[in-house]
C-alpha atoms as a PDB file:
ATOM      1  CA  MET A   1      -1.783 -14.522  17.042  1.00  0.00           C
ATOM      2  CA  GLY A   2      -1.212 -16.883  19.931  1.00  0.00           C
ATOM      3  CA  GLN A   3      -0.411 -20.740  19.436  1.00  0.00           C
ATOM      4  CA  LYS A   4      -2.894 -23.212  20.686  1.00  0.00           C
ATOM      5  CA  MET A   5      -2.397 -24.926  23.808  1.00  0.00           C
ATOM      6  CA  ALA A   6      -1.380 -28.756  23.041  1.00  0.00           C
ATOM      7  CA  LYS A   7      -3.861 -30.592  25.216  1.00  0.00           C
ATOM      8  CA  SER A   8      -2.848 -32.623  28.633  1.00  0.00           C
ATOM      9  CA  PRO A   9      -2.814 -36.556  28.392  1.00  0.00           C
ATOM     10  CA  GLU A  10      -5.389 -36.361  30.617  1.00  0.00           C
ATOM     11  CA  GLU A  11      -7.665 -34.295  27.966  1.00  0.00           C
ATOM     12  CA  GLU A  12      -6.472 -36.460  25.246  1.00  0.00           C
ATOM     13  CA  HIS A  13      -7.469 -39.920  27.374  1.00  0.00           C
ATOM     14  CA  PRO A  14     -10.417 -38.464  29.807  1.00  0.00           C
ATOM     15  CA  ILE A  15     -11.844 -42.676  30.018  1.00  0.00           C
ATOM     16  CA  LYS A  16     -10.589 -44.557  32.759  1.00  0.00           C
ATOM     17  CA  ALA A  17      -9.357 -48.133  32.045  1.00  0.00           C
ATOM     18  CA  PHE A  18      -7.924 -51.195  33.568  1.00  0.00           C
ATOM     19  CA  GLY A  19      -6.719 -54.234  32.382  1.00  0.00           C
ATOM     20  CA  TRP A  20      -3.172 -56.336  32.906  1.00  0.00           C
ATOM     21  CA  ALA A  21       0.003 -55.381  31.258  1.00  0.00           C
ATOM     22  CA  ALA A  22       3.653 -56.638  30.795  1.00  0.00           C
ATOM     23  CA  ARG A  23       5.934 -53.920  31.863  1.00  0.00           C
ATOM     24  CA  ASP A  24       9.255 -55.881  30.298  1.00  0.00           C
ATOM     25  CA  THR A  25      10.128 -58.221  28.217  1.00  0.00           C
ATOM     26  CA  SER A  26      10.193 -61.089  30.996  1.00  0.00           C
ATOM     27  CA  GLY A  27       6.536 -60.648  29.700  1.00  0.00           C
ATOM     28  CA  HIS A  28       4.728 -61.155  33.413  1.00  0.00           C
ATOM     29  CA  LEU A  29       1.682 -59.437  33.573  1.00  0.00           C
ATOM     30  CA  SER A  30       0.196 -57.508  36.452  1.00  0.00           C
ATOM     31  CA  PRO A  31      -2.881 -54.930  36.939  1.00  0.00           C
ATOM     32  CA  PHE A  32      -2.428 -51.748  35.106  1.00  0.00           C
ATOM     33  CA  ASN A  33      -4.414 -48.541  35.056  1.00  0.00           C
ATOM     34  CA  PHE A  34      -4.585 -46.280  31.970  1.00  0.00           C
ATOM     35  CA  SER A  35      -6.563 -44.044  29.909  1.00  0.00           C
ATOM     36  CA  ARG A  36      -8.478 -44.065  26.881  1.00  0.00           C
ATOM     37  CA  ARG A  37      -9.595 -41.415  24.290  1.00  0.00           C
ATOM     38  CA  ALA A  38     -13.383 -40.393  23.763  1.00  0.00           C
ATOM     39  CA  THR A  39     -15.320 -42.169  22.070  1.00  0.00           C
ATOM     40  CA  GLY A  40     -15.450 -40.495  18.511  1.00  0.00           C
ATOM     41  CA  GLU A  41     -17.961 -39.684  15.806  1.00  0.00           C
ATOM     42  CA  GLN A  42     -17.284 -42.945  14.175  1.00  0.00           C
ATOM     43  CA  ASP A  43     -15.809 -44.960  17.056  1.00  0.00           C
ATOM     44  CA  VAL A  44     -17.566 -47.800  18.657  1.00  0.00           C
ATOM     45  CA  ARG A  45     -16.788 -48.239  22.503  1.00  0.00           C
ATOM     46  CA  PHE A  46     -17.708 -51.778  23.937  1.00  0.00           C
ATOM     47  CA  LYS A  47     -17.103 -53.548  27.106  1.00  0.00           C
ATOM     48  CA  VAL A  48     -14.726 -56.554  26.742  1.00  0.00           C
ATOM     49  CA  LEU A  49     -16.512 -59.419  28.192  1.00  0.00           C
ATOM     50  CA  TYR A  50     -14.170 -62.636  26.899  1.00  0.00           C
ATOM     51  CA  CYS A  51     -10.499 -62.641  25.732  1.00  0.00           C
ATOM     52  CA  GLY A  52      -8.880 -65.640  23.756  1.00  0.00           C
ATOM     53  CA  ILE A  53      -5.126 -65.812  24.412  1.00  0.00           C
ATOM     54  CA  CYS A  54      -3.229 -66.588  21.160  1.00  0.00           C
ATOM     55  CA  HIS A  55       0.360 -67.397  20.587  1.00  0.00           C
ATOM     56  CA  SER A  56       1.208 -64.027  18.789  1.00  0.00           C
ATOM     57  CA  ASP A  57       0.235 -62.125  22.770  1.00  0.00           C
ATOM     58  CA  LEU A  58       3.034 -64.539  24.230  1.00  0.00           C
ATOM     59  CA  HIS A  59       5.550 -63.439  21.291  1.00  0.00           C
ATOM     60  CA  CYS A  60       4.395 -59.555  22.078  1.00  0.00           C
ATOM     61  CA  ILE A  61       4.875 -59.350  26.015  1.00  0.00           C
ATOM     62  CA  LYS A  62       8.081 -60.643  25.662  1.00  0.00           C
ATOM     63  CA  ASN A  63       9.070 -58.348  22.328  1.00  0.00           C
ATOM     64  CA  GLU A  64      10.295 -62.060  20.471  1.00  0.00           C
ATOM     65  CA  TYR A  65       9.622 -60.404  17.103  1.00  0.00           C
ATOM     66  CA  GLU A  66      12.342 -59.974  15.492  1.00  0.00           C
ATOM     67  CA  TRP A  67      11.579 -56.592  14.675  1.00  0.00           C
ATOM     68  CA  GLY A  68      10.995 -55.516  17.891  1.00  0.00           C
ATOM     69  CA  PHE A  69       7.853 -53.293  18.139  1.00  0.00           C
ATOM     70  CA  SER A  70       6.687 -54.655  21.640  1.00  0.00           C
ATOM     71  CA  LYS A  71       6.639 -51.208  23.594  1.00  0.00           C
ATOM     72  CA  TYR A  72       6.090 -50.851  27.490  1.00  0.00           C
ATOM     73  CA  PRO A  73       3.812 -51.332  28.941  1.00  0.00           C
ATOM     74  CA  LEU A  74       1.964 -53.296  27.011  1.00  0.00           C
ATOM     75  CA  VAL A  75      -1.442 -54.348  27.213  1.00  0.00           C
ATOM     76  CA  PRO A  76      -1.630 -57.666  25.087  1.00  0.00           C
ATOM     77  CA  GLY A  77      -5.044 -59.327  23.826  1.00  0.00           C
ATOM     78  CA  HIS A  78      -6.980 -58.714  20.301  1.00  0.00           C
ATOM     79  CA  GLU A  79      -9.203 -62.451  20.442  1.00  0.00           C
ATOM     80  CA  ILE A  80     -12.226 -60.875  22.047  1.00  0.00           C
ATOM     81  CA  VAL A  81     -15.900 -60.607  22.387  1.00  0.00           C
ATOM     82  CA  GLY A  82     -17.518 -57.710  23.780  1.00  0.00           C
ATOM     83  CA  GLU A  83     -20.752 -55.641  24.090  1.00  0.00           C
ATOM     84  CA  VAL A  84     -21.055 -52.045  22.616  1.00  0.00           C
ATOM     85  CA  THR A  85     -21.954 -49.701  25.012  1.00  0.00           C
ATOM     86  CA  GLU A  86     -21.300 -46.317  23.455  1.00  0.00           C
ATOM     87  CA  ILE A  87     -21.367 -45.473  19.635  1.00  0.00           C
ATOM     88  CA  GLY A  88     -20.367 -41.869  17.975  1.00  0.00           C
ATOM     89  CA  SER A  89     -22.962 -40.143  16.322  1.00  0.00           C
ATOM     90  CA  LYS A  90     -22.047 -41.140  12.638  1.00  0.00           C
ATOM     91  CA  VAL A  91     -21.762 -44.858  13.469  1.00  0.00           C
ATOM     92  CA  GLU A  92     -25.133 -46.290  11.711  1.00  0.00           C
ATOM     93  CA  LYS A  93     -24.394 -50.632  11.217  1.00  0.00           C
ATOM     94  CA  VAL A  94     -24.272 -51.173  15.339  1.00  0.00           C
ATOM     95  CA  LYS A  95     -26.357 -50.343  18.539  1.00  0.00           C
ATOM     96  CA  VAL A  96     -25.402 -50.024  22.376  1.00  0.00           C
ATOM     97  CA  GLY A  97     -26.007 -53.778  23.597  1.00  0.00           C
ATOM     98  CA  ASP A  98     -24.953 -55.419  20.557  1.00  0.00           C
ATOM     99  CA  ARG A  99     -22.255 -58.125  20.890  1.00  0.00           C
ATOM    100  CA  VAL A 100     -19.233 -57.705  18.712  1.00  0.00           C
ATOM    101  CA  VAL A 101     -16.129 -60.146  17.885  1.00  0.00           C
ATOM    102  CA  TRP A 102     -13.296 -60.238  15.973  1.00  0.00           C
ATOM    103  CA  GLY A 103     -12.401 -62.777  13.425  1.00  0.00           C
ATOM    104  CA  ALA A 104     -11.618 -63.820   9.180  1.00  0.00           C
ATOM    105  CA  CYS A 105     -12.495 -66.985   7.587  1.00  0.00           C
ATOM    106  CA  PRO A 106      -9.464 -67.329   4.754  1.00  0.00           C
ATOM    107  CA  LEU A 107     -10.256 -70.646   3.390  1.00  0.00           C
ATOM    108  CA  LYS A 108     -13.227 -68.425   1.848  1.00  0.00           C
ATOM    109  CA  TYR A 109     -11.544 -65.643   1.365  1.00  0.00           C
ATOM    110  CA  PHE A 110      -8.599 -67.780  -0.822  1.00  0.00           C
ATOM    111  CA  GLY A 111     -11.115 -69.809  -2.357  1.00  0.00           C
ATOM    112  CA  LEU A 112     -10.098 -72.868  -0.521  1.00  0.00           C
ATOM    113  CA  GLY A 113     -13.646 -73.298   1.242  1.00  0.00           C
ATOM    114  CA  GLU A 114     -15.322 -75.026  -2.018  1.00  0.00           C
ATOM    115  CA  PRO A 115     -16.759 -78.545  -1.489  1.00  0.00           C
ATOM    116  CA  GLY A 116     -14.421 -81.606  -2.476  1.00  0.00           C
ATOM    117  CA  LYS A 117     -11.104 -79.712  -2.653  1.00  0.00           C
ATOM    118  CA  HIS A 118      -8.137 -81.313  -0.400  1.00  0.00           C
ATOM    119  CA  ILE A 119      -6.875 -79.323   2.242  1.00  0.00           C
ATOM    120  CA  GLY A 120      -4.218 -79.586   4.458  1.00  0.00           C
ATOM    121  CA  VAL A 121      -4.155 -77.680   8.010  1.00  0.00           C
ATOM    122  CA  VAL A 122      -1.159 -77.533   9.878  1.00  0.00           C
ATOM    123  CA  GLY A 123      -0.730 -77.765  13.610  1.00  0.00           C
ATOM    124  CA  LEU A 124      -3.413 -78.344  15.639  1.00  0.00           C
ATOM    125  CA  GLY A 125      -3.553 -75.513  18.271  1.00  0.00           C
ATOM    126  CA  GLY A 126      -6.359 -72.871  18.669  1.00  0.00           C
ATOM    127  CA  LEU A 127      -6.451 -71.548  14.626  1.00  0.00           C
ATOM    128  CA  GLY A 128      -5.555 -74.782  13.533  1.00  0.00           C
ATOM    129  CA  HIS A 129      -8.642 -77.256  15.570  1.00  0.00           C
ATOM    130  CA  VAL A 130     -10.730 -74.350  14.080  1.00  0.00           C
ATOM    131  CA  ALA A 131      -9.692 -74.263  10.759  1.00  0.00           C
ATOM    132  CA  VAL A 132     -10.176 -78.303  10.551  1.00  0.00           C
ATOM    133  CA  LYS A 133     -13.892 -77.881  12.025  1.00  0.00           C
ATOM    134  CA  PHE A 134     -14.714 -74.758   9.013  1.00  0.00           C
ATOM    135  CA  ALA A 135     -13.044 -77.234   6.249  1.00  0.00           C
ATOM    136  CA  LYS A 136     -15.012 -79.975   7.058  1.00  0.00           C
ATOM    137  CA  ALA A 137     -18.226 -78.032   7.303  1.00  0.00           C
ATOM    138  CA  MET A 138     -17.825 -76.496   4.415  1.00  0.00           C
ATOM    139  CA  ARG A 139     -17.432 -80.255   2.624  1.00  0.00           C
ATOM    140  CA  CYS A 140     -13.366 -80.198   2.011  1.00  0.00           C
ATOM    141  CA  ASN A 141     -11.282 -83.208   2.348  1.00  0.00           C
ATOM    142  CA  VAL A 142      -9.523 -82.496   5.061  1.00  0.00           C
ATOM    143  CA  THR A 143      -5.480 -83.076   6.149  1.00  0.00           C
ATOM    144  CA  VAL A 144      -3.488 -82.560   9.675  1.00  0.00           C
ATOM    145  CA  ILE A 145      -0.403 -82.036   9.347  1.00  0.00           C
ATOM    146  CA  SER A 146       1.534 -81.836  12.564  1.00  0.00           C
ATOM    147  CA  THR A 147       4.694 -83.055  14.288  1.00  0.00           C
ATOM    148  CA  THR A 148       3.179 -85.067  16.876  1.00  0.00           C
ATOM    149  CA  PRO A 149       1.978 -88.540  16.206  1.00  0.00           C
ATOM    150  CA  SER A 150       0.185 -88.476  19.237  1.00  0.00           C
ATOM    151  CA  LYS A 151      -2.272 -85.914  17.834  1.00  0.00           C
ATOM    152  CA  LYS A 152      -3.677 -88.557  15.506  1.00  0.00           C
ATOM    153  CA  ALA A 153      -6.542 -89.669  17.158  1.00  0.00           C
ATOM    154  CA  GLU A 154      -7.753 -86.651  18.194  1.00  0.00           C
ATOM    155  CA  ALA A 155      -7.415 -85.137  14.670  1.00  0.00           C
ATOM    156  CA  LEU A 156      -9.506 -87.924  12.951  1.00  0.00           C
ATOM    157  CA  GLU A 157     -11.735 -89.014  15.468  1.00  0.00           C
ATOM    158  CA  HIS A 158     -12.482 -86.255  17.714  1.00  0.00           C
ATOM    159  CA  LEU A 159     -12.194 -83.381  15.205  1.00  0.00           C
ATOM    160  CA  GLY A 160     -13.140 -85.269  11.712  1.00  0.00           C
ATOM    161  CA  ALA A 161     -10.051 -84.795   9.924  1.00  0.00           C
ATOM    162  CA  ASP A 162     -10.340 -87.506   7.148  1.00  0.00           C
ATOM    163  CA  SER A 163      -6.569 -88.302   7.483  1.00  0.00           C
ATOM    164  CA  PHE A 164      -2.770 -87.266   9.430  1.00  0.00           C
ATOM    165  CA  LEU A 165       0.238 -87.072   8.513  1.00  0.00           C
ATOM    166  CA  VAL A 166       3.500 -86.208  10.659  1.00  0.00           C
ATOM    167  CA  SER A 167       5.725 -83.489   8.861  1.00  0.00           C
ATOM    168  CA  ARG A 168       8.804 -85.023   9.774  1.00  0.00           C
ATOM    169  CA  ASP A 169       7.924 -88.499   8.745  1.00  0.00           C
ATOM    170  CA  GLN A 170       9.604 -88.272   5.220  1.00  0.00           C
ATOM    171  CA  GLY A 171       7.877 -91.425   3.450  1.00  0.00           C
ATOM    172  CA  GLU A 172       4.671 -90.483   4.453  1.00  0.00           C
ATOM    173  CA  LEU A 173       4.981 -86.490   2.835  1.00  0.00           C
ATOM    174  CA  GLN A 174       6.357 -88.060  -0.300  1.00  0.00           C
ATOM    175  CA  ALA A 175       3.762 -90.174  -0.317  1.00  0.00           C
ATOM    176  CA  ALA A 176       1.338 -86.815  -0.056  1.00  0.00           C
ATOM    177  CA  MET A 177       3.463 -85.034  -2.696  1.00  0.00           C
ATOM    178  CA  GLY A 178       0.847 -83.026  -4.717  1.00  0.00           C
ATOM    179  CA  THR A 179      -2.116 -83.724  -3.117  1.00  0.00           C
ATOM    180  CA  LEU A 180      -3.334 -80.502  -1.514  1.00  0.00           C
ATOM    181  CA  ASP A 181      -5.341 -78.059  -2.967  1.00  0.00           C
ATOM    182  CA  GLY A 182      -4.363 -75.506  -0.164  1.00  0.00           C
ATOM    183  CA  ILE A 183      -2.879 -75.282   3.072  1.00  0.00           C
ATOM    184  CA  ILE A 184      -3.497 -73.697   6.339  1.00  0.00           C
ATOM    185  CA  ASP A 185      -0.505 -72.794   8.044  1.00  0.00           C
ATOM    186  CA  THR A 186      -1.015 -72.031  11.559  1.00  0.00           C
ATOM    187  CA  VAL A 187       1.968 -72.792  13.333  1.00  0.00           C
ATOM    188  CA  SER A 188       3.887 -69.246  15.452  1.00  0.00           C
ATOM    189  CA  ALA A 189       7.026 -71.413  15.974  1.00  0.00           C
ATOM    190  CA  SER A 190       9.995 -71.280  13.130  1.00  0.00           C
ATOM    191  CA  HIS A 191       9.365 -74.303  10.897  1.00  0.00           C
ATOM    192  CA  PRO A 192      10.255 -75.605   6.956  1.00  0.00           C
ATOM    193  CA  VAL A 193       8.332 -74.066   4.578  1.00  0.00           C
ATOM    194  CA  MET A 194       9.749 -76.324   1.893  1.00  0.00           C
ATOM    195  CA  PRO A 195       7.856 -79.677   2.606  1.00  0.00           C
ATOM    196  CA  LEU A 196       4.779 -77.716   2.582  1.00  0.00           C
ATOM    197  CA  LEU A 197       5.037 -76.143  -0.853  1.00  0.00           C
ATOM    198  CA  GLY A 198       5.799 -79.750  -2.296  1.00  0.00           C
ATOM    199  CA  LEU A 199       2.890 -81.319  -0.646  1.00  0.00           C
ATOM    200  CA  LEU A 200       0.367 -78.393  -2.892  1.00  0.00           C
ATOM    201  CA  LYS A 201      -0.437 -79.491  -6.063  1.00  0.00           C
ATOM    202  CA  SER A 202      -0.081 -76.780  -8.908  1.00  0.00           C
ATOM    203  CA  HIS A 203      -1.531 -73.705  -8.669  1.00  0.00           C
ATOM    204  CA  GLY A 204      -2.276 -74.576  -4.788  1.00  0.00           C
ATOM    205  CA  LYS A 205      -2.263 -71.748  -2.085  1.00  0.00           C
ATOM    206  CA  LEU A 206       0.049 -72.375   1.229  1.00  0.00           C
ATOM    207  CA  ILE A 207      -2.194 -69.357   3.292  1.00  0.00           C
ATOM    208  CA  MET A 208      -0.262 -68.522   6.674  1.00  0.00           C
ATOM    209  CA  LEU A 209      -2.139 -67.621  10.124  1.00  0.00           C
ATOM    210  CA  GLY A 210       1.113 -68.229  12.524  1.00  0.00           C
ATOM    211  CA  ALA A 211       3.212 -65.508  13.276  1.00  0.00           C
ATOM    212  CA  PRO A 212       6.774 -66.658  13.833  1.00  0.00           C
ATOM    213  CA  SER A 213       8.703 -64.691  15.688  1.00  0.00           C
ATOM    214  CA  LYS A 214      11.708 -65.351  13.303  1.00  0.00           C
ATOM    215  CA  PRO A 215      11.857 -65.064   9.308  1.00  0.00           C
ATOM    216  CA  LEU A 216      10.955 -68.237   7.346  1.00  0.00           C
ATOM    217  CA  GLU A 217      13.044 -68.909   4.350  1.00  0.00           C
ATOM    218  CA  ILE A 218      10.593 -69.637   1.372  1.00  0.00           C
ATOM    219  CA  PRO A 219      12.186 -71.093  -1.781  1.00  0.00           C
ATOM    220  CA  VAL A 220      11.298 -69.499  -4.529  1.00  0.00           C
ATOM    221  CA  PHE A 221      11.673 -72.288  -7.324  1.00  0.00           C
ATOM    222  CA  PRO A 222       8.574 -74.650  -5.899  1.00  0.00           C
ATOM    223  CA  LEU A 223       6.540 -71.450  -6.790  1.00  0.00           C
ATOM    224  CA  LEU A 224       7.604 -70.702 -10.026  1.00  0.00           C
ATOM    225  CA  ALA A 225       7.252 -74.349 -11.254  1.00  0.00           C
ATOM    226  CA  GLY A 226       3.799 -75.024  -9.856  1.00  0.00           C
ATOM    227  CA  ARG A 227       2.478 -71.306 -10.095  1.00  0.00           C
ATOM    228  CA  LYS A 228       2.167 -72.150  -6.475  1.00  0.00           C
ATOM    229  CA  THR A 229       1.324 -69.251  -4.070  1.00  0.00           C
ATOM    230  CA  VAL A 230       2.089 -68.317   0.156  1.00  0.00           C
ATOM    231  CA  ALA A 231       0.061 -65.506   1.357  1.00  0.00           C
ATOM    232  CA  GLY A 232      -1.484 -64.180   4.596  1.00  0.00           C
ATOM    233  CA  SER A 233      -4.357 -63.430   6.379  1.00  0.00           C
ATOM    234  CA  GLY A 234      -4.976 -61.946   9.792  1.00  0.00           C
ATOM    235  CA  ILE A 235      -8.367 -60.581  10.063  1.00  0.00           C
ATOM    236  CA  GLY A 236     -11.354 -59.855   7.481  1.00  0.00           C
ATOM    237  CA  GLY A 237     -13.531 -56.263   7.553  1.00  0.00           C
ATOM    238  CA  MET A 238     -17.071 -56.408   8.693  1.00  0.00           C
ATOM    239  CA  LYS A 239     -18.583 -58.467   6.024  1.00  0.00           C
ATOM    240  CA  GLU A 240     -16.340 -61.267   6.488  1.00  0.00           C
ATOM    241  CA  THR A 241     -16.733 -61.307   9.765  1.00  0.00           C
ATOM    242  CA  GLN A 242     -20.284 -61.532   9.715  1.00  0.00           C
ATOM    243  CA  GLU A 243     -20.280 -63.949   6.925  1.00  0.00           C
ATOM    244  CA  MET A 244     -17.878 -66.124   9.437  1.00  0.00           C
ATOM    245  CA  ILE A 245     -20.166 -65.962  12.330  1.00  0.00           C
ATOM    246  CA  ASP A 246     -23.420 -66.691  10.372  1.00  0.00           C
ATOM    247  CA  PHE A 247     -21.401 -69.834   9.201  1.00  0.00           C
ATOM    248  CA  ALA A 248     -20.243 -71.144  12.642  1.00  0.00           C
ATOM    249  CA  ALA A 249     -24.141 -70.958  13.855  1.00  0.00           C
ATOM    250  CA  LYS A 250     -25.740 -72.515  11.015  1.00  0.00           C
ATOM    251  CA  HIS A 251     -23.017 -75.216  11.265  1.00  0.00           C
ATOM    252  CA  ASP A 252     -22.541 -75.479  15.102  1.00  0.00           C
ATOM    253  CA  ILE A 253     -18.671 -74.747  14.849  1.00  0.00           C
ATOM    254  CA  LYS A 254     -17.529 -73.862  18.373  1.00  0.00           C
ATOM    255  CA  ALA A 255     -13.951 -73.938  19.489  1.00  0.00           C
ATOM    256  CA  ASP A 256     -12.436 -75.937  22.270  1.00  0.00           C
ATOM    257  CA  ILE A 257     -11.461 -73.763  24.855  1.00  0.00           C
ATOM    258  CA  GLU A 258     -10.348 -73.868  28.676  1.00  0.00           C
ATOM    259  CA  VAL A 259     -12.307 -70.659  30.312  1.00  0.00           C
ATOM    260  CA  ILE A 260      -9.650 -69.305  32.885  1.00  0.00           C
ATOM    261  CA  PRO A 261     -10.029 -65.845  35.473  1.00  0.00           C
ATOM    262  CA  MET A 262      -7.891 -62.966  34.843  1.00  0.00           C
ATOM    263  CA  ASP A 263      -5.616 -63.863  37.998  1.00  0.00           C
ATOM    264  CA  TYR A 264      -4.832 -67.211  36.125  1.00  0.00           C
ATOM    265  CA  VAL A 265      -3.068 -65.773  32.927  1.00  0.00           C
ATOM    266  CA  ASN A 266       0.611 -65.720  33.618  1.00  0.00           C
ATOM    267  CA  LYS A 267       0.397 -69.304  34.536  1.00  0.00           C
ATOM    268  CA  ALA A 268      -1.918 -70.034  31.232  1.00  0.00           C
ATOM    269  CA  MET A 269       1.192 -68.370  29.260  1.00  0.00           C
ATOM    270  CA  GLU A 270       3.768 -70.398  30.657  1.00  0.00           C
ATOM    271  CA  ARG A 271       1.077 -73.202  30.031  1.00  0.00           C
ATOM    272  CA  LEU A 272       0.654 -72.335  26.534  1.00  0.00           C
ATOM    273  CA  GLU A 273       4.302 -72.092  25.704  1.00  0.00           C
ATOM    274  CA  LYS A 274       4.524 -75.687  26.048  1.00  0.00           C
ATOM    275  CA  ALA A 275       1.844 -76.167  23.970  1.00  0.00           C
ATOM    276  CA  ASP A 276      -0.414 -77.633  27.242  1.00  0.00           C
ATOM    277  CA  VAL A 277      -3.915 -76.193  26.360  1.00  0.00           C
ATOM    278  CA  ARG A 278      -6.647 -78.005  24.511  1.00  0.00           C
ATOM    279  CA  TYR A 279      -7.006 -75.665  22.389  1.00  0.00           C
ATOM    280  CA  ARG A 280      -7.179 -71.945  23.710  1.00  0.00           C
ATOM    281  CA  PHE A 281      -7.411 -70.268  27.076  1.00  0.00           C
ATOM    282  CA  VAL A 282     -10.086 -67.758  26.828  1.00  0.00           C
ATOM    283  CA  ILE A 283     -10.262 -65.211  29.438  1.00  0.00           C
ATOM    284  CA  ASP A 284     -13.600 -64.823  31.356  1.00  0.00           C
ATOM    285  CA  ILE A 285     -13.019 -60.629  31.663  1.00  0.00           C
ATOM    286  CA  GLY A 286     -16.550 -59.556  32.118  1.00  0.00           C
ATOM    287  CA  ASN A 287     -16.680 -62.002  35.573  1.00  0.00           C
ATOM    288  CA  THR A 288     -13.095 -62.268  36.591  1.00  0.00           C
ATOM    289  CA  LEU A 289     -11.091 -58.805  35.829  1.00  0.00           C
ATOM    290  CA  ALA A 290     -12.920 -56.169  38.217  1.00  0.00           C
ATOM    291  CA  ALA A 291     -11.609 -58.068  41.241  1.00  0.00           C
ATOM    292  CA  THR A 292      -8.004 -58.271  40.402  1.00  0.00           C
ATOM    293  CA  LYS A 293      -8.481 -54.412  40.668  1.00  0.00           C
ATOM    294  CA  PRO A 294      -5.487 -53.518  43.835  1.00  0.00           C
END
């Protein structure tokens, strides 16, 4: 019996697609034609309408993560909102025309979203400012922890945080030792974890959402002495995501964003690297991507 012929790349991936990709570690993005596989029986295909720019995208396009998993050409982007255009024969929970989104709510998942809990939020960027809004809507007491004193007024007056700690101020840190039930750490740059563990009460939880390009040092003794937990969260399942969307709609929680066209993406990456954004770049894919085709 003869062997089954391997499918050609065109047969394996017959659906034409277009995006912007990085070709090397410079991270420069440019128009890129590629292809996707056909929709399977359990797949959902959707058209991306908007895409947020996450700091992990910046790390990926420059292959800055220590384990070096980036392969080029690389099309970044995972914070997406889109509209379903096709579903597989066994898909039951969504239909063509539905809007779909990515997300999760680690506060609830880790039991930190109860009224009266004292929550710290490290970093006041794209993730951090939304974490403050969710925690306040859950009726938590919220402390923003930042290296930048100039963000204090923004945190307290605009976002409604209850208090503000400058993480480089040893006096402020010492005064707040052992006062937090949980901390949401959204920072994607290397930073010391030991001071954060000191801020936690016994049985407190440090939840990592940021993805630094280099490993962080986590001292074990504070975990043992206080039965403290370090955990991480990247994305939730469909049930968690739906709960997050419903909660955000009920409490009118919206991210503060700067909407940009597709051809501004390289400038946006430069600005993101300098923390020059309030607070999240969002690419208008649906209205501006097609115009960038060569």
